[in-house]
Amino acid sequence: MFKRPHLRAAKRLVNAPFALSLLFLATACGPGSEPVDTEPAEGPIESTESADPGGLILPAVWQTNDLGTAITSIGVAGELSSTVAVTYSDGGLQFLDLEGERVTDKAEMSVAKVADGRFMRLQDTSVTVFPGITFDGTLSLFIHGGALSEPLPYLLDSGTDSAILGLCSAGPTFERDGVMRIGFWTADAPAELKLGRVVEAGNNLILLLDEPAQANANIAACLLTDSEDVAYSDPILSAAELKHRNKTYRFLLDDFGGYTLITTDGEPVEFRVLDGITVRPPEFPVAMAGTGDARGGGYPGGVLVVAGETRDGVHTVTYIDPSKVTLTPFGYSAQSARD
């Protein structure tokens, strides 16, 4: 766990603005398009009763049908967009909404992983931007807006020739943070969390690097908070921070399929995900993301999104309601889970 490092010696990196020109042209000139239905579960899902009343249990309330290919990572863009980015083992990238419908078709883009994105105005155009890693270990943004049928890749120079193994991202804390903050680690330095900021420079998006932080072991997941940058080693697969009503909760997923909540007091609380009437969360979850932004349609306390494979071999994205935690008036505690 690292306190936020002091920023220094920001490095301007090279990138290609041509992709943004295509985006704005397509947004201005292209006709609107309706999302393609992925046949999500019909209607809001009521959770089944638990036979074990002890401990913290969060309900799964929505789910896509079989997406057809093994999922490798997911990211969530909160705020107005409520978009989920999904990467597949074959390099495909797809954007979904919180009703399980496609925002884009699956695009073959050789994407290995994505992190959380942002909804924003870029050159007076509404876009959703997700950072990601390609199969060859390079860092890229994937930008979607307007009538585009698939995201546009926008290469960022990471300042290293080593393949990038993993990444995390967060919105800006200060004005100098620009569009978003990004953390990543590489094959040559798997225990060093490199930190940077994506900022606008004229018509370009550029990556400015800050001081890296050193972890005690090889990094498997990371989290950029408002106050510190956190690195996790095995067995943690994913970490998500949900901020709601001035309270912050951290959710962890490990490679044994276990879930842990870190309360506002720093207490770890293991929790289970409860099946819905027709919702079956993945038996083998591989990634988790989330947002604490209140959402209509059954997400007043934000949403956790989990992807993976069910016991029947179906590859799905499942939406989990964290309201039992995030809507607790005075903050959720470990004692609440025992009561």
Protein backbone atom coordinates (compact mmCIF):
# COMPACT_ATOMS: atom_id res chain seq x y z
CA MET A 1 0.00 0.00 0.00
CA PHE A 2 1.48 3.37 -0.99
CA LYS A 3 0.64 6.91 -0.03
CA ARG A 4 0.17 9.12 -3.08
CA PRO A 5 3.68 9.99 -4.32
CA HIS A 6 4.70 13.56 -5.02
CA LEU A 7 4.45 14.40 -8.69
CA ARG A 8 7.62 15.28 -10.54
CA ALA A 9 9.34 15.43 -13.92
CA ALA A 10 6.27 14.76 -16.00
CA LYS A 11 7.23 13.21 -19.33
CA ARG A 12 5.40 14.07 -22.54
CA LEU A 13 4.75 10.99 -24.63
CA VAL A 14 4.05 10.48 -28.29
CA ASN A 15 0.65 9.47 -29.65
CA ALA A 16 -1.42 9.69 -32.84
CA PRO A 17 -4.34 12.18 -32.91
CA PHE A 18 -5.76 10.77 -36.15
CA ALA A 19 -8.08 8.41 -34.26
CA LEU A 20 -9.72 11.34 -32.47
CA SER A 21 -10.34 13.08 -35.77
CA LEU A 22 -12.19 9.99 -36.99
CA LEU A 23 -14.21 9.89 -33.78
CA PHE A 24 -15.40 13.48 -33.99
CA LEU A 25 -16.18 13.15 -37.71
CA ALA A 26 -18.23 10.01 -37.08
CA THR A 27 -20.03 11.62 -34.15
CA ALA A 28 -20.93 14.70 -36.12
CA CYS A 29 -21.98 12.99 -39.34
CA GLY A 30 -23.10 9.48 -38.43
CA PRO A 31 -26.74 8.57 -37.78
CA GLY A 32 -27.83 7.30 -34.38
CA SER A 33 -27.93 3.57 -33.77
CA GLU A 34 -29.96 1.41 -31.42
CA PRO A 35 -28.15 -0.95 -29.04
CA VAL A 36 -28.22 -4.61 -29.97
CA ASP A 37 -29.95 -6.79 -27.38
CA THR A 38 -27.88 -9.52 -25.76
CA GLU A 39 -31.04 -11.10 -24.33
CA PRO A 40 -30.44 -10.26 -20.68
CA ALA A 41 -32.55 -11.80 -17.96
CA GLU A 42 -36.17 -10.68 -18.26
CA GLY A 43 -37.07 -7.91 -15.84
CA PRO A 44 -35.52 -6.99 -12.49
CA ILE A 45 -34.55 -10.03 -10.48
CA GLU A 46 -35.64 -10.65 -6.92
CA SER A 47 -33.08 -12.42 -4.79
CA THR A 48 -33.81 -15.79 -3.28
CA GLU A 49 -33.76 -16.21 0.48
CA SER A 50 -30.55 -17.45 2.03
CA ALA A 51 -30.57 -20.63 4.06
CA ASP A 52 -27.56 -19.25 5.97
CA PRO A 53 -28.47 -15.92 7.60
CA GLY A 54 -24.97 -15.37 8.98
CA GLY A 55 -22.37 -13.11 7.39
CA LEU A 56 -22.60 -10.54 4.63
CA ILE A 57 -24.54 -11.59 1.53
CA LEU A 58 -24.99 -9.34 -1.50
CA PRO A 59 -27.65 -10.17 -4.11
CA ALA A 60 -26.99 -10.72 -7.81
CA VAL A 61 -29.81 -8.87 -9.57
CA TRP A 62 -29.02 -8.91 -13.29
CA GLN A 63 -27.03 -10.93 -15.80
CA THR A 64 -26.27 -11.21 -19.48
CA ASN A 65 -26.89 -14.43 -21.31
CA ASP A 66 -23.92 -16.43 -22.57
CA LEU A 67 -21.43 -14.05 -24.21
CA GLY A 68 -19.88 -17.00 -26.01
CA THR A 69 -16.18 -16.49 -25.25
CA ALA A 70 -14.11 -16.62 -22.07
CA ILE A 71 -13.85 -13.19 -20.43
CA THR A 72 -10.45 -11.89 -19.34
CA SER A 73 -11.23 -8.50 -17.76
CA ILE A 74 -13.89 -5.86 -17.22
CA GLY A 75 -13.99 -2.16 -16.43
CA VAL A 76 -16.78 0.23 -15.48
CA ALA A 77 -17.29 3.86 -16.49
CA GLY A 78 -19.59 5.51 -13.99
CA GLU A 79 -21.37 8.85 -14.12
CA LEU A 80 -23.80 9.32 -17.01
CA SER A 81 -22.53 6.56 -19.25
CA SER A 82 -22.91 3.53 -16.96
CA THR A 83 -20.87 1.50 -19.42
CA VAL A 84 -19.10 -1.82 -18.87
CA ALA A 85 -16.10 -2.75 -21.03
CA VAL A 86 -15.49 -6.48 -21.51
CA THR A 87 -12.39 -8.14 -22.98
CA TYR A 88 -12.34 -11.70 -24.24
CA SER A 89 -9.67 -14.37 -24.51
CA ASP A 90 -9.61 -14.01 -28.30
CA GLY A 91 -8.76 -10.30 -28.04
CA GLY A 92 -12.31 -9.06 -28.54
CA LEU A 93 -13.55 -5.85 -26.88
CA GLN A 94 -17.18 -5.00 -26.26
CA PHE A 95 -19.10 -2.31 -24.39
CA LEU A 96 -22.31 -3.18 -22.52
CA ASP A 97 -24.74 -1.13 -20.48
CA LEU A 98 -26.12 -1.94 -17.03
CA GLU A 99 -29.13 -3.67 -18.55
CA GLY A 100 -26.88 -6.20 -20.25
CA GLU A 101 -27.41 -4.74 -23.72
CA ARG A 102 -24.63 -4.14 -26.20
CA VAL A 103 -23.47 -0.57 -26.65
CA THR A 104 -21.05 -1.88 -29.31
CA ASP A 105 -20.67 -5.16 -31.11
CA LYS A 106 -17.72 -7.31 -30.13
CA ALA A 107 -14.68 -5.95 -32.00
CA GLU A 108 -11.56 -8.00 -32.68
CA MET A 109 -8.92 -5.59 -31.41
CA SER A 110 -6.26 -7.81 -29.75
CA VAL A 111 -7.07 -6.34 -26.33
CA ALA A 112 -5.77 -8.31 -23.36
CA LYS A 113 -7.13 -6.25 -20.45
CA VAL A 114 -9.04 -3.07 -19.66
CA ALA A 115 -9.42 -0.96 -16.54
CA ASP A 116 -12.14 1.42 -15.38
CA GLY A 117 -13.13 4.14 -17.82
CA ARG A 118 -14.60 7.62 -17.79
CA PHE A 119 -17.49 9.37 -19.44
CA MET A 120 -16.34 12.83 -20.51
CA ARG A 121 -16.46 15.66 -23.02
CA LEU A 122 -13.52 15.49 -25.39
CA GLN A 123 -13.26 18.34 -27.91
CA ASP A 124 -16.96 19.09 -27.33
CA THR A 125 -17.92 15.47 -27.99
CA SER A 126 -19.41 13.08 -25.43
CA VAL A 127 -17.24 9.96 -25.29
CA THR A 128 -16.47 7.03 -23.02
CA VAL A 129 -12.76 6.30 -22.62
CA PHE A 130 -11.28 3.06 -21.26
CA PRO A 131 -7.55 2.39 -20.85
CA GLY A 132 -6.32 -1.06 -21.84
CA ILE A 133 -3.43 -3.31 -22.77
CA THR A 134 -3.05 -5.00 -26.13
CA PHE A 135 -1.76 -8.54 -26.68
CA ASP A 136 1.73 -7.20 -27.39
CA GLY A 137 1.83 -5.41 -24.05
CA THR A 138 1.30 -1.83 -25.21
CA LEU A 139 -0.86 0.76 -23.50
CA SER A 140 -3.85 2.18 -25.36
CA LEU A 141 -7.07 4.10 -24.83
CA PHE A 142 -10.29 2.78 -26.34
CA ILE A 143 -12.69 5.60 -27.14
CA HIS A 144 -16.34 5.33 -28.04
CA GLY A 145 -18.96 7.92 -28.84
CA GLY A 146 -21.69 8.93 -31.23
CA ALA A 147 -22.63 6.44 -33.93
CA LEU A 148 -19.41 4.43 -33.87
CA SER A 149 -20.03 0.69 -34.11
CA GLU A 150 -16.85 -0.14 -32.19
CA PRO A 151 -14.29 1.69 -30.03
CA LEU A 152 -11.37 3.52 -31.56
CA PRO A 153 -7.90 2.56 -30.27
CA TYR A 154 -5.64 5.45 -29.32
CA LEU A 155 -2.05 4.41 -28.59
CA LEU A 156 -0.24 5.84 -25.58
CA ASP A 157 3.52 5.65 -25.21
CA SER A 158 4.11 4.15 -21.77
CA GLY A 159 7.77 5.18 -21.70
CA THR A 160 8.97 1.58 -21.54
CA ASP A 161 9.91 -1.11 -24.03
CA SER A 162 8.87 -3.84 -21.61
CA ALA A 163 5.50 -5.52 -22.03
CA ILE A 164 2.81 -4.18 -19.69
CA LEU A 165 1.28 -6.98 -17.63
CA GLY A 166 -1.58 -5.24 -15.85
CA LEU A 167 -3.15 -1.89 -15.10
CA CYS A 168 -5.67 0.05 -13.06
CA SER A 169 -7.19 3.49 -13.44
CA ALA A 170 -9.25 6.15 -11.69
CA GLY A 171 -10.73 9.54 -12.33
CA PRO A 172 -8.79 12.71 -11.55
CA THR A 173 -8.35 13.84 -7.96
CA PHE A 174 -6.79 17.20 -8.81
CA GLU A 175 -7.06 19.40 -11.88
CA ARG A 176 -3.50 18.45 -12.85
CA ASP A 177 -4.63 14.81 -13.14
CA GLY A 178 -6.32 15.64 -16.44
CA VAL A 179 -8.60 13.00 -17.96
CA MET A 180 -7.70 10.07 -15.70
CA ARG A 181 -4.97 8.47 -13.63
CA ILE A 182 -3.38 5.19 -14.70
CA GLY A 183 -1.19 2.70 -12.85
CA PHE A 184 0.56 -0.25 -14.51
CA TRP A 185 3.36 -2.76 -14.07
CA THR A 186 5.66 -4.44 -16.59
CA ALA A 187 7.44 -7.71 -17.25
CA ASP A 188 10.82 -6.12 -16.48
CA ALA A 189 9.62 -4.57 -13.21
CA PRO A 190 6.66 -6.64 -11.95
CA ALA A 191 6.92 -5.22 -8.41
CA GLU A 192 7.00 -1.56 -9.45
CA LEU A 193 3.75 0.35 -9.88
CA LYS A 194 4.30 2.95 -12.57
CA LEU A 195 1.97 5.93 -12.24
CA GLY A 196 0.79 8.48 -14.76
CA ARG A 197 -1.90 10.88 -15.88
CA VAL A 198 -3.66 11.11 -19.23
CA VAL A 199 -4.13 14.79 -20.09
CA GLU A 200 -5.35 16.79 -23.07
CA ALA A 201 -2.71 18.75 -24.96
CA GLY A 202 -4.34 20.61 -27.83
CA ASN A 203 -5.97 17.95 -30.01
CA ASN A 204 -3.92 15.17 -28.45
CA LEU A 205 -4.16 12.93 -25.43
CA ILE A 206 -0.77 12.35 -23.82
CA LEU A 207 0.51 10.34 -20.88
CA LEU A 208 2.54 12.15 -18.23
CA LEU A 209 4.54 9.88 -15.94
CA ASP A 210 4.98 10.50 -12.22
CA GLU A 211 7.13 8.85 -9.58
CA PRO A 212 6.64 5.07 -9.51
CA ALA A 213 6.02 3.19 -6.27
CA GLN A 214 7.73 -0.01 -5.19
CA ALA A 215 5.71 -2.99 -3.90
CA ASN A 216 6.97 -5.78 -1.66
CA ALA A 217 6.06 -8.51 -4.16
CA ASN A 218 5.05 -8.94 -7.78
CA ILE A 219 1.84 -7.03 -8.46
CA ALA A 220 -1.34 -8.87 -9.42
CA ALA A 221 -3.86 -5.99 -9.08
CA CYS A 222 -3.82 -2.32 -8.17
CA LEU A 223 -6.17 0.42 -7.04
CA LEU A 224 -5.79 4.20 -7.31
CA THR A 225 -7.70 5.99 -4.56
CA ASP A 226 -8.01 9.67 -3.70
CA SER A 227 -5.41 9.34 -0.95
CA GLU A 228 -3.14 6.42 -1.84
CA ASP A 229 -2.11 4.01 -4.57
CA VAL A 230 -2.50 0.37 -3.57
CA ALA A 231 -0.82 -2.71 -5.04
CA TYR A 232 -1.98 -6.28 -4.39
CA SER A 233 -0.11 -9.50 -5.00
CA ASP A 234 -1.45 -13.02 -5.52
CA PRO A 235 -4.06 -14.29 -4.83
CA ILE A 236 -5.94 -10.99 -5.43
CA LEU A 237 -7.34 -10.78 -8.96
CA SER A 238 -9.30 -7.52 -8.88
CA ALA A 239 -9.96 -4.58 -6.60
CA ALA A 240 -12.83 -2.09 -6.88
CA GLU A 241 -13.51 1.01 -4.80
CA LEU A 242 -17.10 2.22 -4.41
CA LYS A 243 -17.66 5.76 -3.17
CA HIS A 244 -21.20 6.57 -2.08
CA ARG A 245 -22.49 9.40 0.13
CA ASN A 246 -18.98 10.40 1.20
CA LYS A 247 -18.15 6.86 2.33
CA THR A 248 -15.66 4.61 0.57
CA TYR A 249 -15.65 0.81 0.46
CA ARG A 250 -13.13 -1.50 -1.17
CA PHE A 251 -14.13 -4.84 -2.67
CA LEU A 252 -11.59 -7.57 -3.48
CA LEU A 253 -11.82 -10.71 -5.61
CA ASP A 254 -9.24 -13.49 -5.24
CA ASP A 255 -8.32 -16.33 -7.56
CA PHE A 256 -10.09 -18.85 -5.33
CA GLY A 257 -13.40 -17.12 -6.15
CA GLY A 258 -13.59 -15.44 -2.74
CA TYR A 259 -14.95 -11.95 -2.10
CA THR A 260 -13.81 -9.55 0.62
CA LEU A 261 -15.11 -6.14 1.66
CA ILE A 262 -12.72 -3.66 3.29
CA THR A 263 -14.87 -1.34 5.39
CA THR A 264 -14.31 2.38 5.94
CA ASP A 265 -12.50 1.40 9.16
CA GLY A 266 -10.15 -0.91 7.26
CA GLU A 267 -11.82 -4.09 8.55
CA PRO A 268 -11.91 -7.09 6.16
CA VAL A 269 -15.30 -8.78 5.85
CA GLU A 270 -15.76 -11.85 3.69
CA PHE A 271 -19.04 -11.92 1.77
CA ARG A 272 -20.99 -14.16 -0.55
CA VAL A 273 -22.97 -13.35 -3.67
CA LEU A 274 -26.54 -14.63 -3.57
CA ASP A 275 -28.19 -16.18 -6.61
CA GLY A 276 -31.26 -14.48 -7.98
CA ILE A 277 -34.33 -16.37 -9.17
CA THR A 278 -32.88 -16.62 -12.68
CA VAL A 279 -29.43 -15.15 -12.05
CA ARG A 280 -26.49 -17.44 -11.45
CA PRO A 281 -23.24 -15.60 -10.65
CA PRO A 282 -20.09 -17.12 -12.11
CA GLU A 283 -18.75 -20.13 -10.27
CA PHE A 284 -15.31 -19.13 -11.54
CA PRO A 285 -15.12 -15.30 -11.44
CA VAL A 286 -12.13 -13.79 -13.22
CA ALA A 287 -12.66 -10.04 -12.85
CA MET A 288 -14.59 -7.46 -10.83
CA ALA A 289 -15.22 -3.73 -11.18
CA GLY A 290 -17.82 -1.31 -9.90
CA THR A 291 -19.05 2.20 -9.21
CA GLY A 292 -20.69 3.78 -6.18
CA ASP A 293 -22.75 6.14 -8.32
CA ALA A 294 -26.46 5.73 -7.71
CA ARG A 295 -28.24 4.20 -10.68
CA GLY A 296 -31.90 3.78 -11.49
CA GLY A 297 -33.34 0.41 -12.31
CA GLY A 298 -32.29 -1.31 -9.11
CA TYR A 299 -28.87 0.20 -8.25
CA PRO A 300 -29.51 2.97 -5.68
CA GLY A 301 -26.25 2.22 -3.87
CA GLY A 302 -24.05 1.68 -6.91
CA VAL A 303 -23.20 -1.61 -8.56
CA LEU A 304 -20.54 -4.32 -8.50
CA VAL A 305 -19.90 -6.07 -11.80
CA VAL A 306 -18.40 -9.56 -11.88
CA ALA A 307 -17.43 -11.58 -14.95
CA GLY A 308 -16.57 -15.22 -15.35
CA GLU A 309 -17.79 -18.70 -16.10
CA THR A 310 -20.74 -20.48 -14.51
CA ARG A 311 -20.67 -24.12 -13.48
CA ASP A 312 -22.42 -24.89 -16.78
CA GLY A 313 -19.62 -23.34 -18.85
CA VAL A 314 -21.54 -20.14 -19.65
CA HIS A 315 -19.55 -16.88 -19.88
CA THR A 316 -21.51 -14.03 -18.33
CA VAL A 317 -21.37 -10.58 -16.78
CA THR A 318 -23.32 -10.34 -13.53
CA TYR A 319 -24.51 -7.20 -11.75
CA ILE A 320 -24.51 -7.21 -7.94
CA ASP A 321 -26.34 -4.78 -5.64
CA PRO A 322 -24.01 -3.48 -2.86
CA SER A 323 -26.73 -1.38 -1.19
CA LYS A 324 -26.61 -3.41 2.02
CA VAL A 325 -23.13 -1.95 2.46
CA THR A 326 -23.21 1.42 0.72
CA LEU A 327 -26.61 2.60 1.99
CA THR A 328 -25.87 1.90 5.67
CA PRO A 329 -26.41 5.37 7.22
CA PHE A 330 -23.36 5.41 9.50
CA GLY A 331 -21.09 3.08 7.54
CA TYR A 332 -20.93 -0.68 7.31
CA SER A 333 -18.82 -2.47 9.93
CA ALA A 334 -17.52 -5.95 10.57
CA GLN A 335 -19.89 -6.15 13.54
CA SER A 336 -22.82 -5.65 11.14
CA ALA A 337 -21.82 -8.83 9.33
CA ARG A 338 -21.79 -10.80 12.59
CA ASP A 339 -25.17 -9.54 13.79
